[in-house]
Protein backbone atom coordinates (compact mmCIF):
# COMPACT_ATOMS: atom_id res chain seq x y z
CA LEU A 1 2.67 -3.96 3.95
CA PRO A 2 1.82 -0.25 4.32
CA PRO A 3 -1.68 0.71 5.50
CA LEU A 4 -4.32 0.35 2.79
CA LEU A 5 -5.58 3.65 1.38
CA GLU A 6 -9.35 4.13 1.50
CA SER A 7 -9.59 4.14 -2.32
CA HIS A 8 -7.44 1.01 -2.83
CA VAL A 9 -7.78 -2.75 -2.71
CA LEU A 10 -5.07 -5.22 -1.72
CA VAL A 11 -4.70 -7.98 -4.29
CA GLU A 12 -2.96 -11.33 -3.86
CA VAL A 13 -1.18 -11.39 -7.22
CA ALA A 14 -1.73 -14.46 -9.43
CA SER A 15 -0.04 -13.12 -12.56
CA ALA A 16 1.83 -10.02 -13.68
CA THR A 17 3.07 -8.84 -17.05
CA VAL A 18 6.34 -7.37 -18.25
CA ASN A 19 5.82 -4.58 -20.76
CA PRO A 20 7.90 -1.72 -22.15
CA ALA A 21 6.78 0.68 -19.39
CA ASP A 22 8.16 -1.74 -16.79
CA THR A 23 11.51 -2.00 -18.55
CA TYR A 24 11.72 1.80 -18.86
CA MET A 25 10.98 2.12 -15.15
CA CYS A 26 13.76 -0.35 -14.29
CA GLN A 27 16.15 1.71 -16.44
CA GLY A 28 15.08 4.99 -14.82
CA LYS A 29 13.55 6.27 -18.08
CA TYR A 30 9.77 6.05 -17.46
CA THR A 31 7.61 9.17 -17.86
CA LEU A 32 6.45 9.00 -14.22
CA GLN A 33 9.53 7.48 -12.62
CA PRO A 34 8.84 6.21 -9.05
CA GLU A 35 11.24 6.91 -6.21
CA VAL A 36 13.81 4.21 -5.48
CA PRO A 37 13.32 1.66 -4.08
CA PHE A 38 10.15 0.54 -5.88
CA THR A 39 8.48 -2.65 -7.10
CA PRO A 40 7.89 -2.72 -10.88
CA GLY A 41 4.73 -3.94 -12.56
CA LEU A 42 1.63 -2.12 -13.78
CA GLU A 43 -0.64 -4.97 -14.91
CA GLY A 44 -1.84 -8.23 -13.49
CA SER A 45 -4.56 -10.41 -12.07
CA GLY A 46 -5.38 -11.78 -8.66
CA ARG A 47 -7.80 -12.07 -5.76
CA VAL A 48 -8.89 -9.17 -3.54
CA VAL A 49 -7.80 -9.84 0.07
CA ALA A 50 -8.59 -6.43 1.61
CA VAL A 51 -10.76 -3.45 0.65
CA GLY A 52 -10.26 0.22 1.54
CA SER A 53 -13.04 1.92 3.49
CA GLY A 54 -14.12 3.99 0.46
CA VAL A 55 -14.44 1.07 -1.97
CA THR A 56 -17.99 -0.07 -2.69
CA HIS A 57 -17.82 -2.06 -5.95
CA LEU A 58 -15.39 -4.81 -4.85
CA VAL A 59 -15.34 -7.22 -1.90
CA VAL A 60 -12.81 -9.60 -0.41
CA GLY A 61 -12.63 -12.71 -2.58
CA ASP A 62 -13.37 -10.96 -5.90
CA ARG A 63 -11.08 -12.03 -8.73
CA VAL A 64 -9.80 -9.03 -10.68
CA ILE A 65 -7.61 -7.89 -13.54
CA TYR A 66 -5.96 -4.48 -13.60
CA SER A 67 -3.84 -2.28 -15.81
CA VAL A 68 -2.29 1.05 -14.87
CA THR A 69 -1.22 3.67 -17.43
CA ALA A 70 0.55 7.00 -17.15
CA ALA A 71 -2.84 8.67 -17.69
CA ASP A 72 -4.12 6.84 -14.56
CA GLY A 73 -1.24 8.22 -12.51
CA GLY A 74 1.28 5.47 -13.17
CA PRO A 75 3.16 4.07 -10.19
CA LYS A 76 1.30 6.36 -7.75
CA THR A 77 -1.85 4.26 -8.20
CA CYS A 78 -0.26 0.83 -7.77
CA SER A 79 2.38 -0.58 -5.40
CA GLY A 80 3.85 -2.80 -8.13
CA THR A 81 2.57 -6.12 -9.43
CA TRP A 82 5.89 -7.98 -9.35
CA ALA A 83 5.16 -9.00 -5.77
CA HIS A 84 2.98 -11.44 -3.83
CA HIS A 85 0.56 -8.63 -2.94
CA CYS A 86 -0.22 -5.35 -4.67
CA SER A 87 -2.19 -2.32 -3.48
CA ILE A 88 -4.05 -0.81 -6.41
CA GLN A 89 -6.47 2.05 -6.85
CA ALA A 90 -9.82 0.23 -6.81
CA ASN A 91 -11.33 2.00 -9.83
CA LEU A 92 -8.61 0.38 -11.97
CA ALA A 93 -9.56 -3.17 -10.91
CA ILE A 94 -12.12 -5.04 -13.00
CA ARG A 95 -13.97 -8.01 -11.51
CA ILE A 96 -13.85 -11.10 -13.68
CA PRO A 97 -16.23 -14.08 -13.75
CA SER A 98 -15.31 -17.17 -11.77
CA GLY A 99 -14.99 -19.25 -14.95
CA PHE A 100 -11.92 -17.36 -16.14
CA ASP A 101 -8.44 -18.61 -15.24
CA LEU A 102 -6.32 -15.91 -13.57
CA LEU A 103 -3.17 -17.27 -15.22
CA SER A 104 -4.29 -17.41 -18.86
């Protein structure tokens, strides 16, 4: 994995979605098309396994959900959720209570 940016967290992905933006990206038609090669996926859930030096609101072990839009910067803010691990801009990750299932 590439070095973690100071404003990002590394998430062990539990679930990821497939939405129209992902399909457009795979077809080369997304508004903010990433450079090839890339890993698709802009939404998901998982557990934080590493925290960038500038992140203060999340810690290793936090369970989070996240969603990235074009307004957030699109693929520049997320390494792609269709993978075992995803680096995501920390301000886009929302901590969820322990009682919630990451797969539902």
